[in-house]
PDB file of N, CA and C in Angstrom:
ATOM      1  N   PRO A   1      88.953 111.997  98.541  1.00  0.00           N
ATOM      2  CA  PRO A   1      90.168 111.128  98.677  1.00  0.00           C
ATOM      3  C   PRO A   1      91.303 111.517  97.719  1.00  0.00           C
ATOM      4  N   ASP A   2      92.538 111.756  98.258  1.00  0.00           N
ATOM      5  CA  ASP A   2      93.755 111.827  97.456  1.00  0.00           C
ATOM      6  C   ASP A   2      94.303 110.586  96.986  1.00  0.00           C
ATOM      7  N   GLU A   3      93.509 109.507  97.266  1.00  0.00           N
ATOM      8  CA  GLU A   3      94.257 108.080  96.713  1.00  0.00           C
ATOM      9  C   GLU A   3      94.046 107.872  95.259  1.00  0.00           C
ATOM     10  N   LYS A   4      95.038 107.603  94.552  1.00  0.00           N
ATOM     11  CA  LYS A   4      95.213 107.308  93.059  1.00  0.00           C
ATOM     12  C   LYS A   4      93.850 106.129  92.839  1.00  0.00           C
ATOM     13  N   GLN A   5      93.433 106.549  91.537  1.00  0.00           N
ATOM     14  CA  GLN A   5      92.253 105.321  91.076  1.00  0.00           C
ATOM     15  C   GLN A   5      93.331 104.381  90.130  1.00  0.00           C
ATOM     16  N   ARG A   6      92.992 103.007  90.344  1.00  0.00           N
ATOM     17  CA  ARG A   6      94.002 101.986  89.626  1.00  0.00           C
ATOM     18  C   ARG A   6      92.992 101.073  88.963  1.00  0.00           C
ATOM     19  N   ALA A   7      93.187 100.673  87.834  1.00  0.00           N
ATOM     20  CA  ALA A   7      92.273  99.587  87.065  1.00  0.00           C
ATOM     21  C   ALA A   7      93.398  98.625  86.537  1.00  0.00           C
ATOM     22  N   ILE A   8      93.120  97.332  86.544  1.00  0.00           N
ATOM     23  CA  ILE A   8      93.629  96.220  85.930  1.00  0.00           C
ATOM     24  C   ILE A   8      92.914  95.506  84.631  1.00  0.00           C
ATOM     25  N   GLU A   9      93.647  95.854  83.545  1.00  0.00           N
ATOM     26  CA  GLU A   9      93.100  95.377  82.318  1.00  0.00           C
ATOM     27  C   GLU A   9      93.209  93.843  82.370  1.00  0.00           C
ATOM     28  N   MET A  10      92.277  93.216  81.963  1.00  0.00           N
ATOM     29  CA  MET A  10      92.012  91.707  81.840  1.00  0.00           C
ATOM     30  C   MET A  10      91.351  91.261  80.729  1.00  0.00           C
ATOM     31  N   ARG A  11      91.524  90.123  80.322  1.00  0.00           N
ATOM     32  CA  ARG A  11      90.971  89.505  79.125  1.00  0.00           C
ATOM     33  C   ARG A  11      90.129  88.341  79.548  1.00  0.00           C
ATOM     34  N   TYR A  12      88.928  88.161  79.174  1.00  0.00           N
ATOM     35  CA  TYR A  12      87.946  86.805  79.453  1.00  0.00           C
ATOM     36  C   TYR A  12      87.287  86.576  78.481  1.00  0.00           C
ATOM     37  N   GLN A  13      86.661  85.125  78.506  1.00  0.00           N
ATOM     38  CA  GLN A  13      85.765  84.605  77.751  1.00  0.00           C
ATOM     39  C   GLN A  13      84.521  84.006  78.304  1.00  0.00           C
ATOM     40  N   VAL A  14      83.283  84.409  78.212  1.00  0.00           N
ATOM     41  CA  VAL A  14      82.268  83.654  78.968  1.00  0.00           C
ATOM     42  C   VAL A  14      81.542  82.822  78.055  1.00  0.00           C
ATOM     43  N   ASN A  15      81.023  81.485  78.593  1.00  0.00           N
ATOM     44  CA  ASN A  15      80.216  80.530  77.837  1.00  0.00           C
ATOM     45  C   ASN A  15      78.877  80.711  78.746  1.00  0.00           C
ATOM     46  N   ALA A  16      78.176  81.582  78.228  1.00  0.00           N
ATOM     47  CA  ALA A  16      76.774  81.710  78.966  1.00  0.00           C
ATOM     48  C   ALA A  16      75.828  80.444  78.713  1.00  0.00           C
ATOM     49  N   SER A  17      76.160  79.605  77.791  1.00  0.00           N
ATOM     50  CA  SER A  17      75.252  78.455  77.433  1.00  0.00           C
ATOM     51  C   SER A  17      75.310  77.184  78.485  1.00  0.00           C
ATOM     52  N   SER A  18      76.422  77.142  79.216  1.00  0.00           N
ATOM     53  CA  SER A  18      76.735  76.271  80.293  1.00  0.00           C
ATOM     54  C   SER A  18      76.064  76.670  81.596  1.00  0.00           C
ATOM     55  N   LYS A  19      75.701  75.514  82.470  1.00  0.00           N
ATOM     56  CA  LYS A  19      75.140  75.841  83.817  1.00  0.00           C
ATOM     57  C   LYS A  19      75.890  75.071  84.962  1.00  0.00           C
ATOM     58  N   PRO A  20      76.527  76.177  85.632  1.00  0.00           N
ATOM     59  CA  PRO A  20      76.802  77.350  85.652  1.00  0.00           C
ATOM     60  C   PRO A  20      77.375  78.030  84.599  1.00  0.00           C
ATOM     61  N   MET A  21      77.437  79.244  84.448  1.00  0.00           N
ATOM     62  CA  MET A  21      78.168  79.666  83.028  1.00  0.00           C
ATOM     63  C   MET A  21      79.485  79.677  83.265  1.00  0.00           C
ATOM     64  N   GLY A  22      80.402  79.375  82.408  1.00  0.00           N
ATOM     65  CA  GLY A  22      81.855  79.220  82.377  1.00  0.00           C
ATOM     66  C   GLY A  22      82.384  80.568  82.216  1.00  0.00           C
ATOM     67  N   ILE A  23      83.674  80.768  82.689  1.00  0.00           N
ATOM     68  CA  ILE A  23      84.385  82.054  82.330  1.00  0.00           C
ATOM     69  C   ILE A  23      85.995  81.683  82.380  1.00  0.00           C
ATOM     70  N   ASP A  24      86.764  81.922  81.151  1.00  0.00           N
ATOM     71  CA  ASP A  24      88.065  81.698  81.212  1.00  0.00           C
ATOM     72  C   ASP A  24      88.769  83.061  81.435  1.00  0.00           C
ATOM     73  N   ILE A  25      89.506  83.178  82.256  1.00  0.00           N
ATOM     74  CA  ILE A  25      90.422  84.312  82.625  1.00  0.00           C
ATOM     75  C   ILE A  25      91.728  84.328  81.985  1.00  0.00           C
ATOM     76  N   THR A  26      92.241  84.947  81.384  1.00  0.00           N
ATOM     77  CA  THR A  26      93.717  84.992  80.909  1.00  0.00           C
ATOM     78  C   THR A  26      94.393  85.882  81.703  1.00  0.00           C
ATOM     79  N   LEU A  27      95.525  85.285  82.066  1.00  0.00           N
ATOM     80  CA  LEU A  27      96.471  86.125  83.008  1.00  0.00           C
ATOM     81  C   LEU A  27      97.563  86.268  82.332  1.00  0.00           C
ATOM     82  N   VAL A  28      98.588  87.140  82.879  1.00  0.00           N
ATOM     83  CA  VAL A  28      99.665  87.306  82.109  1.00  0.00           C
ATOM     84  C   VAL A  28     100.725  86.009  81.648  1.00  0.00           C
ATOM     85  N   GLN A  29     101.387  86.415  80.590  1.00  0.00           N
ATOM     86  CA  GLN A  29     102.049  85.064  79.960  1.00  0.00           C
ATOM     87  C   GLN A  29     101.287  83.934  79.491  1.00  0.00           C
ATOM     88  N   GLY A  30      99.794  84.180  79.177  1.00  0.00           N
ATOM     89  CA  GLY A  30      99.100  83.253  78.590  1.00  0.00           C
ATOM     90  C   GLY A  30      98.479  82.166  79.492  1.00  0.00           C
ATOM     91  N   ALA A  31      98.621  82.115  80.802  1.00  0.00           N
ATOM     92  CA  ALA A  31      97.921  81.259  81.612  1.00  0.00           C
ATOM     93  C   ALA A  31      96.721  81.701  81.785  1.00  0.00           C
ATOM     94  N   THR A  32      95.617  80.566  81.618  1.00  0.00           N
ATOM     95  CA  THR A  32      94.207  80.732  81.921  1.00  0.00           C
ATOM     96  C   THR A  32      93.687  80.034  83.035  1.00  0.00           C
ATOM     97  N   VAL A  33      92.860  80.616  83.770  1.00  0.00           N
ATOM     98  CA  VAL A  33      92.122  80.076  84.826  1.00  0.00           C
ATOM     99  C   VAL A  33      90.461  79.953  84.193  1.00  0.00           C
ATOM    100  N   ARG A  34      90.244  78.730  84.456  1.00  0.00           N
ATOM    101  CA  ARG A  34      88.854  78.118  84.085  1.00  0.00           C
ATOM    102  C   ARG A  34      87.991  78.182  85.370  1.00  0.00           C
ATOM    103  N   THR A  35      86.922  79.000  85.370  1.00  0.00           N
ATOM    104  CA  THR A  35      86.146  78.951  86.417  1.00  0.00           C
ATOM    105  C   THR A  35      84.666  79.043  86.145  1.00  0.00           C
ATOM    106  N   ILE A  36      83.666  79.389  87.181  1.00  0.00           N
ATOM    107  CA  ILE A  36      82.267  79.541  86.884  1.00  0.00           C
ATOM    108  C   ILE A  36      81.857  80.802  87.594  1.00  0.00           C
ATOM    109  N   LEU A  37      80.679  81.436  87.021  1.00  0.00           N
ATOM    110  CA  LEU A  37      80.068  82.583  87.485  1.00  0.00           C
ATOM    111  C   LEU A  37      78.490  82.588  87.317  1.00  0.00           C
ATOM    112  N   GLN A  38      77.986  83.421  88.073  1.00  0.00           N
ATOM    113  CA  GLN A  38      76.349  83.445  88.026  1.00  0.00           C
ATOM    114  C   GLN A  38      76.021  84.976  88.413  1.00  0.00           C
ATOM    115  N   PHE A  39      75.008  85.322  87.771  1.00  0.00           N
ATOM    116  CA  PHE A  39      74.359  86.609  88.241  1.00  0.00           C
ATOM    117  C   PHE A  39      73.289  86.333  89.398  1.00  0.00           C
ATOM    118  N   THR A  40      73.426  87.188  90.503  1.00  0.00           N
ATOM    119  CA  THR A  40      72.709  86.681  91.470  1.00  0.00           C
ATOM    120  C   THR A  40      71.379  87.749  91.514  1.00  0.00           C
ATOM    121  N   ASP A  41      71.438  88.894  91.014  1.00  0.00           N
ATOM    122  CA  ASP A  41      70.380  89.830  90.761  1.00  0.00           C
ATOM    123  C   ASP A  41      70.964  90.795  89.693  1.00  0.00           C
ATOM    124  N   ALA A  42      70.204  91.848  89.635  1.00  0.00           N
ATOM    125  CA  ALA A  42      70.397  92.980  88.330  1.00  0.00           C
ATOM    126  C   ALA A  42      72.057  93.754  88.667  1.00  0.00           C
ATOM    127  N   SER A  43      72.330  93.484  89.993  1.00  0.00           N
ATOM    128  CA  SER A  43      73.615  94.279  90.343  1.00  0.00           C
ATOM    129  C   SER A  43      74.830  93.442  90.890  1.00  0.00           C
ATOM    130  N   GLN A  44      74.442  92.263  90.990  1.00  0.00           N
ATOM    131  CA  GLN A  44      75.697  91.471  91.619  1.00  0.00           C
ATOM    132  C   GLN A  44      75.961  90.160  90.644  1.00  0.00           C
ATOM    133  N   ILE A  45      77.267  89.865  90.725  1.00  0.00           N
ATOM    134  CA  ILE A  45      77.941  88.699  90.012  1.00  0.00           C
ATOM    135  C   ILE A  45      78.812  87.767  91.158  1.00  0.00           C
ATOM    136  N   GLN A  46      78.608  86.643  91.015  1.00  0.00           N
ATOM    137  CA  GLN A  46      79.460  85.562  91.789  1.00  0.00           C
ATOM    138  C   GLN A  46      80.482  85.020  91.079  1.00  0.00           C
ATOM    139  N   VAL A  47      81.791  84.893  91.384  1.00  0.00           N
ATOM    140  CA  VAL A  47      82.709  84.321  90.550  1.00  0.00           C
ATOM    141  C   VAL A  47      83.345  83.386  91.458  1.00  0.00           C
ATOM    142  N   GLN A  48      83.617  81.992  91.079  1.00  0.00           N
ATOM    143  CA  GLN A  48      84.391  81.184  91.972  1.00  0.00           C
ATOM    144  C   GLN A  48      85.871  81.464  91.884  1.00  0.00           C
ATOM    145  N   ILE A  49      86.602  82.170  92.645  1.00  0.00           N
ATOM    146  CA  ILE A  49      87.970  82.463  92.630  1.00  0.00           C
ATOM    147  C   ILE A  49      88.865  81.805  93.491  1.00  0.00           C
ATOM    148  N   ALA A  50      88.336  81.448  94.681  1.00  0.00           N
ATOM    149  CA  ALA A  50      89.131  80.468  95.816  1.00  0.00           C
ATOM    150  C   ALA A  50      89.251  79.162  95.202  1.00  0.00           C
ATOM    151  N   GLY A  51      90.393  78.698  95.199  1.00  0.00           N
ATOM    152  CA  GLY A  51      90.850  77.453  94.895  1.00  0.00           C
ATOM    153  C   GLY A  51      91.061  77.202  93.371  1.00  0.00           C
ATOM    154  N   THR A  52      90.964  78.262  92.655  1.00  0.00           N
ATOM    155  CA  THR A  52      91.253  78.232  91.217  1.00  0.00           C
ATOM    156  C   THR A  52      92.594  78.428  90.939  1.00  0.00           C
ATOM    157  N   MET A  53      93.146  77.714  89.962  1.00  0.00           N
ATOM    158  CA  MET A  53      94.510  77.861  89.531  1.00  0.00           C
ATOM    159  C   MET A  53      94.583  77.538  87.966  1.00  0.00           C
ATOM    160  N   PRO A  54      95.787  78.339  87.213  1.00  0.00           N
ATOM    161  CA  PRO A  54      95.915  77.904  85.853  1.00  0.00           C
ATOM    162  C   PRO A  54      96.148  76.470  85.623  1.00  0.00           C
ATOM    163  N   GLY A  55      95.589  75.765  84.501  1.00  0.00           N
ATOM    164  CA  GLY A  55      95.659  74.493  84.257  1.00  0.00           C
ATOM    165  C   GLY A  55      94.707  73.639  85.080  1.00  0.00           C
ATOM    166  N   GLN A  56      94.100  73.992  85.930  1.00  0.00           N
ATOM    167  CA  GLN A  56      93.220  73.069  86.680  1.00  0.00           C
ATOM    168  C   GLN A  56      91.838  73.005  86.019  1.00  0.00           C
ATOM    169  N   GLU A  57      91.014  72.106  86.326  1.00  0.00           N
ATOM    170  CA  GLU A  57      89.599  72.005  85.632  1.00  0.00           C
ATOM    171  C   GLU A  57      88.792  72.904  86.291  1.00  0.00           C
ATOM    172  N   ARG A  58      87.728  73.390  85.453  1.00  0.00           N
ATOM    173  CA  ARG A  58      86.553  74.146  85.806  1.00  0.00           C
ATOM    174  C   ARG A  58      85.865  73.733  86.865  1.00  0.00           C
ATOM    175  N   PRO A  59      85.495  74.407  88.130  1.00  0.00           N
ATOM    176  CA  PRO A  59      84.824  73.983  89.064  1.00  0.00           C
ATOM    177  C   PRO A  59      83.456  73.642  88.827  1.00  0.00           C
ATOM    178  N   LYS A  60      82.758  72.762  89.390  1.00  0.00           N
ATOM    179  CA  LYS A  60      81.546  72.434  88.953  1.00  0.00           C
ATOM    180  C   LYS A  60      80.340  72.914  89.742  1.00  0.00           C
ATOM    181  N   ALA A  61      80.849  73.447  90.976  1.00  0.00           N
ATOM    182  CA  ALA A  61      79.995  74.226  91.986  1.00  0.00           C
ATOM    183  C   ALA A  61      80.563  75.224  92.699  1.00  0.00           C
ATOM    184  N   PHE A  62      79.709  76.276  93.130  1.00  0.00           N
ATOM    185  CA  PHE A  62      80.227  77.248  94.009  1.00  0.00           C
ATOM    186  C   PHE A  62      80.560  76.849  95.338  1.00  0.00           C
ATOM    187  N   ASN A  63      82.016  77.465  95.731  1.00  0.00           N
ATOM    188  CA  ASN A  63      82.278  77.161  97.224  1.00  0.00           C
ATOM    189  C   ASN A  63      83.078  78.624  97.608  1.00  0.00           C
ATOM    190  N   ASN A  64      82.390  79.278  98.528  1.00  0.00           N
ATOM    191  CA  ASN A  64      82.973  80.440  99.013  1.00  0.00           C
ATOM    192  C   ASN A  64      83.177  81.385  97.863  1.00  0.00           C
ATOM    193  N   ALA A  65      82.314  81.535  96.647  1.00  0.00           N
ATOM    194  CA  ALA A  65      82.387  82.414  95.694  1.00  0.00           C
ATOM    195  C   ALA A  65      82.698  83.974  96.124  1.00  0.00           C
ATOM    196  N   THR A  66      83.386  84.650  95.406  1.00  0.00           N
ATOM    197  CA  THR A  66      83.538  86.102  95.484  1.00  0.00           C
ATOM    198  C   THR A  66      82.217  86.820  94.888  1.00  0.00           C
ATOM    199  N   THR A  67      81.847  87.761  95.441  1.00  0.00           N
ATOM    200  CA  THR A  67      80.474  88.424  94.876  1.00  0.00           C
ATOM    201  C   THR A  67      81.080  89.675  94.632  1.00  0.00           C
ATOM    202  N   PHE A  68      80.747  90.408  93.285  1.00  0.00           N
ATOM    203  CA  PHE A  68      81.071  91.708  92.875  1.00  0.00           C
ATOM    204  C   PHE A  68      79.717  92.457  92.559  1.00  0.00           C
ATOM    205  N   LYS A  69      79.736  93.786  93.203  1.00  0.00           N
ATOM    206  CA  LYS A  69      78.515  94.545  92.988  1.00  0.00           C
ATOM    207  C   LYS A  69      78.800  95.688  91.857  1.00  0.00           C
ATOM    208  N   LYS A  70      77.553  95.873  91.176  1.00  0.00           N
ATOM    209  CA  LYS A  70      77.749  96.788  90.330  1.00  0.00           C
ATOM    210  C   LYS A  70      77.919  98.056  90.931  1.00  0.00           C
ATOM    211  N   VAL A  71      78.865  99.034  90.606  1.00  0.00           N
ATOM    212  CA  VAL A  71      78.855 100.310  91.363  1.00  0.00           C
ATOM    213  C   VAL A  71      78.836 101.633  90.312  1.00  0.00           C
ATOM    214  N   SER A  72      78.561 101.404  88.854  1.00  0.00           N
ATOM    215  CA  SER A  72      78.409 102.310  87.984  1.00  0.00           C
ATOM    216  C   SER A  72      77.615 101.739  86.742  1.00  0.00           C
ATOM    217  N   THR A  73      77.084 102.513  86.124  1.00  0.00           N
ATOM    218  CA  THR A  73      76.375 102.275  84.761  1.00  0.00           C
ATOM    219  C   THR A  73      77.441 102.761  83.366  1.00  0.00           C
ATOM    220  N   THR A  74      78.387 103.557  83.834  1.00  0.00           N
ATOM    221  CA  THR A  74      79.316 103.903  82.864  1.00  0.00           C
ATOM    222  C   THR A  74      80.458 103.007  82.540  1.00  0.00           C
ATOM    223  N   THR A  75      80.829 102.982  81.230  1.00  0.00           N
ATOM    224  CA  THR A  75      82.049 102.334  81.039  1.00  0.00           C
ATOM    225  C   THR A  75      83.404 102.907  80.796  1.00  0.00           C
ATOM    226  N   THR A  76      83.175 104.170  81.238  1.00  0.00           N
ATOM    227  CA  THR A  76      84.462 104.999  81.005  1.00  0.00           C
ATOM    228  C   THR A  76      85.052 105.134  82.556  1.00  0.00           C
ATOM    229  N   LEU A  77      86.475 105.066  82.413  1.00  0.00           N
ATOM    230  CA  LEU A  77      87.278 105.235  83.787  1.00  0.00           C
ATOM    231  C   LEU A  77      87.259 106.548  84.063  1.00  0.00           C
ATOM    232  N   PRO A  78      87.348 106.760  85.413  1.00  0.00           N
ATOM    233  CA  PRO A  78      87.716 108.205  85.865  1.00  0.00           C
ATOM    234  C   PRO A  78      89.072 108.809  85.227  1.00  0.00           C
ATOM    235  N   PRO A  79      89.096 110.113  85.001  1.00  0.00           N
ATOM    236  CA  PRO A  79      90.346 110.700  84.617  1.00  0.00           C
ATOM    237  C   PRO A  79      91.513 110.359  85.352  1.00  0.00           C
ATOM    238  N   ASP A  80      92.596 110.185  84.917  1.00  0.00           N
ATOM    239  CA  ASP A  80      94.069 110.220  85.813  1.00  0.00           C
ATOM    240  C   ASP A  80      93.858 108.693  86.330  1.00  0.00           C
ATOM    241  N   THR A  81      92.984 107.846  85.984  1.00  0.00           N
ATOM    242  CA  THR A  81      93.265 106.465  86.404  1.00  0.00           C
ATOM    243  C   THR A  81      94.484 105.707  85.997  1.00  0.00           C
ATOM    244  N   GLU A  82      95.176 105.187  86.717  1.00  0.00           N
ATOM    245  CA  GLU A  82      96.250 104.232  86.475  1.00  0.00           C
ATOM    246  C   GLU A  82      95.927 102.979  86.057  1.00  0.00           C
ATOM    247  N   ILE A  83      96.344 102.410  84.767  1.00  0.00           N
ATOM    248  CA  ILE A  83      95.861 101.374  84.294  1.00  0.00           C
ATOM    249  C   ILE A  83      97.107 100.133  84.285  1.00  0.00           C
ATOM    250  N   ASP A  84      96.999  99.224  84.829  1.00  0.00           N
ATOM    251  CA  ASP A  84      98.005  98.081  84.653  1.00  0.00           C
ATOM    252  C   ASP A  84      97.617  97.421  83.426  1.00  0.00           C
ATOM    253  N   ASP A  85      98.278  97.742  82.340  1.00  0.00           N
ATOM    254  CA  ASP A  85      98.034  97.361  80.976  1.00  0.00           C
ATOM    255  C   ASP A  85      98.304  95.839  80.551  1.00  0.00           C
ATOM    256  N   PHE A  86      97.507  95.117  80.006  1.00  0.00           N
ATOM    257  CA  PHE A  86      97.549  93.713  79.998  1.00  0.00           C
ATOM    258  C   PHE A  86      98.924  93.357  79.044  1.00  0.00           C
ATOM    259  N   GLU A  87      98.786  93.966  77.833  1.00  0.00           N
ATOM    260  CA  GLU A  87     100.063  93.697  77.050  1.00  0.00           C
ATOM    261  C   GLU A  87     101.302  93.661  77.595  1.00  0.00           C
ATOM    262  N   SER A  88     101.568  94.824  78.364  1.00  0.00           N
ATOM    263  CA  SER A  88     102.780  95.094  79.023  1.00  0.00           C
ATOM    264  C   SER A  88     103.079  94.305  79.947  1.00  0.00           C
ATOM    265  N   ARG A  89     102.130  93.740  80.807  1.00  0.00           N
ATOM    266  CA  ARG A  89     102.137  92.816  81.959  1.00  0.00           C
ATOM    267  C   ARG A  89     102.620  91.514  81.522  1.00  0.00           C
ATOM    268  N   SER A  90     102.086  90.920  80.436  1.00  0.00           N
ATOM    269  CA  SER A  90     102.281  89.769  79.596  1.00  0.00           C
ATOM    270  C   SER A  90     103.787  89.760  78.938  1.00  0.00           C
ATOM    271  N   GLN A  91     104.438  90.781  78.744  1.00  0.00           N
ATOM    272  CA  GLN A  91     105.404  91.000  78.149  1.00  0.00           C
ATOM    273  C   GLN A  91     106.491  91.032  79.215  1.00  0.00           C
ATOM    274  N   GLN A  92     106.473  91.893  80.280  1.00  0.00           N
ATOM    275  CA  GLN A  92     107.234  92.058  81.454  1.00  0.00           C
ATOM    276  C   GLN A  92     107.138  90.846  82.519  1.00  0.00           C
ATOM    277  N   GLY A  93     105.889  90.197  82.444  1.00  0.00           N
ATOM    278  CA  GLY A  93     105.697  89.357  83.615  1.00  0.00           C
ATOM    279  C   GLY A  93     105.117  89.997  84.795  1.00  0.00           C
ATOM    280  N   GLU A  94     105.083  91.363  84.928  1.00  0.00           N
ATOM    281  CA  GLU A  94     104.726  92.130  85.951  1.00  0.00           C
ATOM    282  C   GLU A  94     103.918  93.339  85.634  1.00  0.00           C
ATOM    283  N   GLY A  95     103.712  94.211  86.583  1.00  0.00           N
ATOM    284  CA  GLY A  95     102.785  95.507  86.150  1.00  0.00           C
ATOM    285  C   GLY A  95     103.447  96.497  84.950  1.00  0.00           C
ATOM    286  N   GLY A  96     102.665  96.842  83.931  1.00  0.00           N
ATOM    287  CA  GLY A  96     102.868  97.772  82.950  1.00  0.00           C
ATOM    288  C   GLY A  96     101.835  98.736  83.211  1.00  0.00           C
ATOM    289  N   ARG A  97     102.196  99.999  83.453  1.00  0.00           N
ATOM    290  CA  ARG A  97     101.170 101.005  83.785  1.00  0.00           C
ATOM    291  C   ARG A  97     101.130 102.017  82.700  1.00  0.00           C
ATOM    292  N   ARG A  98      99.934 102.574  82.407  1.00  0.00           N
ATOM    293  CA  ARG A  98      99.636 103.591  81.712  1.00  0.00           C
ATOM    294  C   ARG A  98      98.549 104.547  82.191  1.00  0.00           C
ATOM    295  N   ARG A  99      98.484 105.916  81.930  1.00  0.00           N
ATOM    296  CA  ARG A  99      97.390 106.608  82.412  1.00  0.00           C
ATOM    297  C   ARG A  99      96.207 106.527  81.476  1.00  0.00           C
ATOM    298  N   ASN A 100      95.054 106.771  81.884  1.00  0.00           N
ATOM    299  CA  ASN A 100      93.775 106.777  81.071  1.00  0.00           C
ATOM    300  C   ASN A 100      93.655 108.272  80.492  1.00  0.00           C
TER     301      ASN A 100
END
């Protein structure tokens, strides 16, 4: 496929000691979304995204959670991947792009 690969840099912090596990996802300009996550098996993770907003309390249960599936064991991005850089987005309030 000739479609460009694209990645979005994100910052997050996980609290693995809570049940369900908590995750704080930092968005541009310092806004933080507090939500929950769980591993469903060795290659999937569920994150409660629907209904979450910066400044709201962390959900206590899953309701229509988004499931992410592991697609690779490597931590290296493919060559020429376009990255939306976190620092640039935070300063500009929109997409800051660089190449890998």
